[in-house]
């Protein structure tokens, strides 16, 4: 079993994160996006989610 630390999620590739979590690429992309925003000290979990919900990735 692979172990990852919460503080390191933003550094993982989406493919690696999906593999470790045994989830989808889409889910891993959202989790990684949230983690990247949360790596900024002044942005909390809810603000990061709000920003991702409003972003367009197409």
C-alpha atoms as a PDB file:
ATOM      1  CA  UNK A   1       0.000   0.000   0.000  1.00  0.00           C
ATOM      2  CA  UNK A   2       1.342   3.409  -0.961  1.00  0.00           C
ATOM      3  CA  UNK A   3       1.284   6.106   1.676  1.00  0.00           C
ATOM      4  CA  UNK A   4       0.937   9.777   0.927  1.00  0.00           C
ATOM      5  CA  UNK A   5       0.856  12.734   3.260  1.00  0.00           C
ATOM      6  CA  UNK A   6      -1.839  15.381   2.954  1.00  0.00           C
ATOM      7  CA  UNK A   7       0.840  18.066   2.703  1.00  0.00           C
ATOM      8  CA  UNK A   8       2.268  16.342  -0.403  1.00  0.00           C
ATOM      9  CA  UNK A   9      -0.920  15.892  -2.443  1.00  0.00           C
ATOM     10  CA  UNK A  10      -0.336  19.067  -4.463  1.00  0.00           C
ATOM     11  CA  UNK A  11       3.045  17.726  -5.612  1.00  0.00           C
ATOM     12  CA  UNK A  12       1.728  14.431  -7.013  1.00  0.00           C
ATOM     13  CA  UNK A  13       0.724  13.929 -10.610  1.00  0.00           C
ATOM     14  CA  UNK A  14      -2.962  13.380 -11.276  1.00  0.00           C
ATOM     15  CA  UNK A  15      -2.258   9.857 -12.543  1.00  0.00           C
ATOM     16  CA  UNK A  16      -0.283   8.948  -9.403  1.00  0.00           C
ATOM     17  CA  UNK A  17      -2.944  10.411  -7.132  1.00  0.00           C
ATOM     18  CA  UNK A  18      -5.717   8.511  -8.940  1.00  0.00           C
ATOM     19  CA  UNK A  19      -3.693   5.323  -8.630  1.00  0.00           C
ATOM     20  CA  UNK A  20      -2.954   5.730  -4.925  1.00  0.00           C
ATOM     21  CA  UNK A  21      -6.566   6.628  -4.134  1.00  0.00           C
ATOM     22  CA  UNK A  22      -7.912   4.003  -6.537  1.00  0.00           C
ATOM     23  CA  UNK A  23     -10.158   6.670  -8.007  1.00  0.00           C
ATOM     24  CA  UNK A  24     -10.866   8.377 -11.288  1.00  0.00           C
ATOM     25  CA  UNK A  25      -8.687  10.891 -13.119  1.00  0.00           C
ATOM     26  CA  UNK A  26     -11.491  13.448 -12.779  1.00  0.00           C
ATOM     27  CA  UNK A  27     -11.672  12.973  -9.018  1.00  0.00           C
ATOM     28  CA  UNK A  28      -7.902  13.125  -8.644  1.00  0.00           C
ATOM     29  CA  UNK A  29      -7.813  16.302 -10.736  1.00  0.00           C
ATOM     30  CA  UNK A  30     -10.297  18.001  -8.414  1.00  0.00           C
ATOM     31  CA  UNK A  31      -8.500  16.828  -5.274  1.00  0.00           C
ATOM     32  CA  UNK A  32      -5.136  18.000  -6.621  1.00  0.00           C
ATOM     33  CA  UNK A  33      -6.631  21.342  -7.637  1.00  0.00           C
ATOM     34  CA  UNK A  34      -8.029  21.855  -4.151  1.00  0.00           C
ATOM     35  CA  UNK A  35      -4.677  20.909  -2.627  1.00  0.00           C
ATOM     36  CA  UNK A  36      -2.821  23.396  -4.856  1.00  0.00           C
ATOM     37  CA  UNK A  37      -5.112  26.220  -3.762  1.00  0.00           C
ATOM     38  CA  UNK A  38      -4.827  25.188  -0.117  1.00  0.00           C
ATOM     39  CA  UNK A  39      -1.030  25.283  -0.356  1.00  0.00           C
ATOM     40  CA  UNK A  40      -1.429  29.068  -0.400  1.00  0.00           C
ATOM     41  CA  UNK A  41      -1.484  29.959   3.317  1.00  0.00           C
ATOM     42  CA  UNK A  42      -4.356  32.456   3.168  1.00  0.00           C
ATOM     43  CA  UNK A  43      -6.737  30.178   1.240  1.00  0.00           C
ATOM     44  CA  UNK A  44      -8.777  27.657   3.175  1.00  0.00           C
ATOM     45  CA  UNK A  45     -10.669  24.588   2.044  1.00  0.00           C
ATOM     46  CA  UNK A  46     -13.983  26.321   1.314  1.00  0.00           C
ATOM     47  CA  UNK A  47     -12.392  29.173  -0.645  1.00  0.00           C
ATOM     48  CA  UNK A  48     -10.400  26.701  -2.722  1.00  0.00           C
ATOM     49  CA  UNK A  49     -13.553  24.709  -3.503  1.00  0.00           C
ATOM     50  CA  UNK A  50     -15.457  27.866  -4.452  1.00  0.00           C
ATOM     51  CA  UNK A  51     -12.660  28.920  -6.815  1.00  0.00           C
ATOM     52  CA  UNK A  52     -12.516  25.508  -8.491  1.00  0.00           C
ATOM     53  CA  UNK A  53     -16.297  25.337  -8.831  1.00  0.00           C
ATOM     54  CA  UNK A  54     -16.268  28.644 -10.713  1.00  0.00           C
ATOM     55  CA  UNK A  55     -13.264  27.845 -12.922  1.00  0.00           C
ATOM     56  CA  UNK A  56     -13.591  26.443 -16.400  1.00  0.00           C
ATOM     57  CA  UNK A  57     -11.030  23.943 -17.629  1.00  0.00           C
ATOM     58  CA  UNK A  58     -12.162  23.562 -21.228  1.00  0.00           C
END
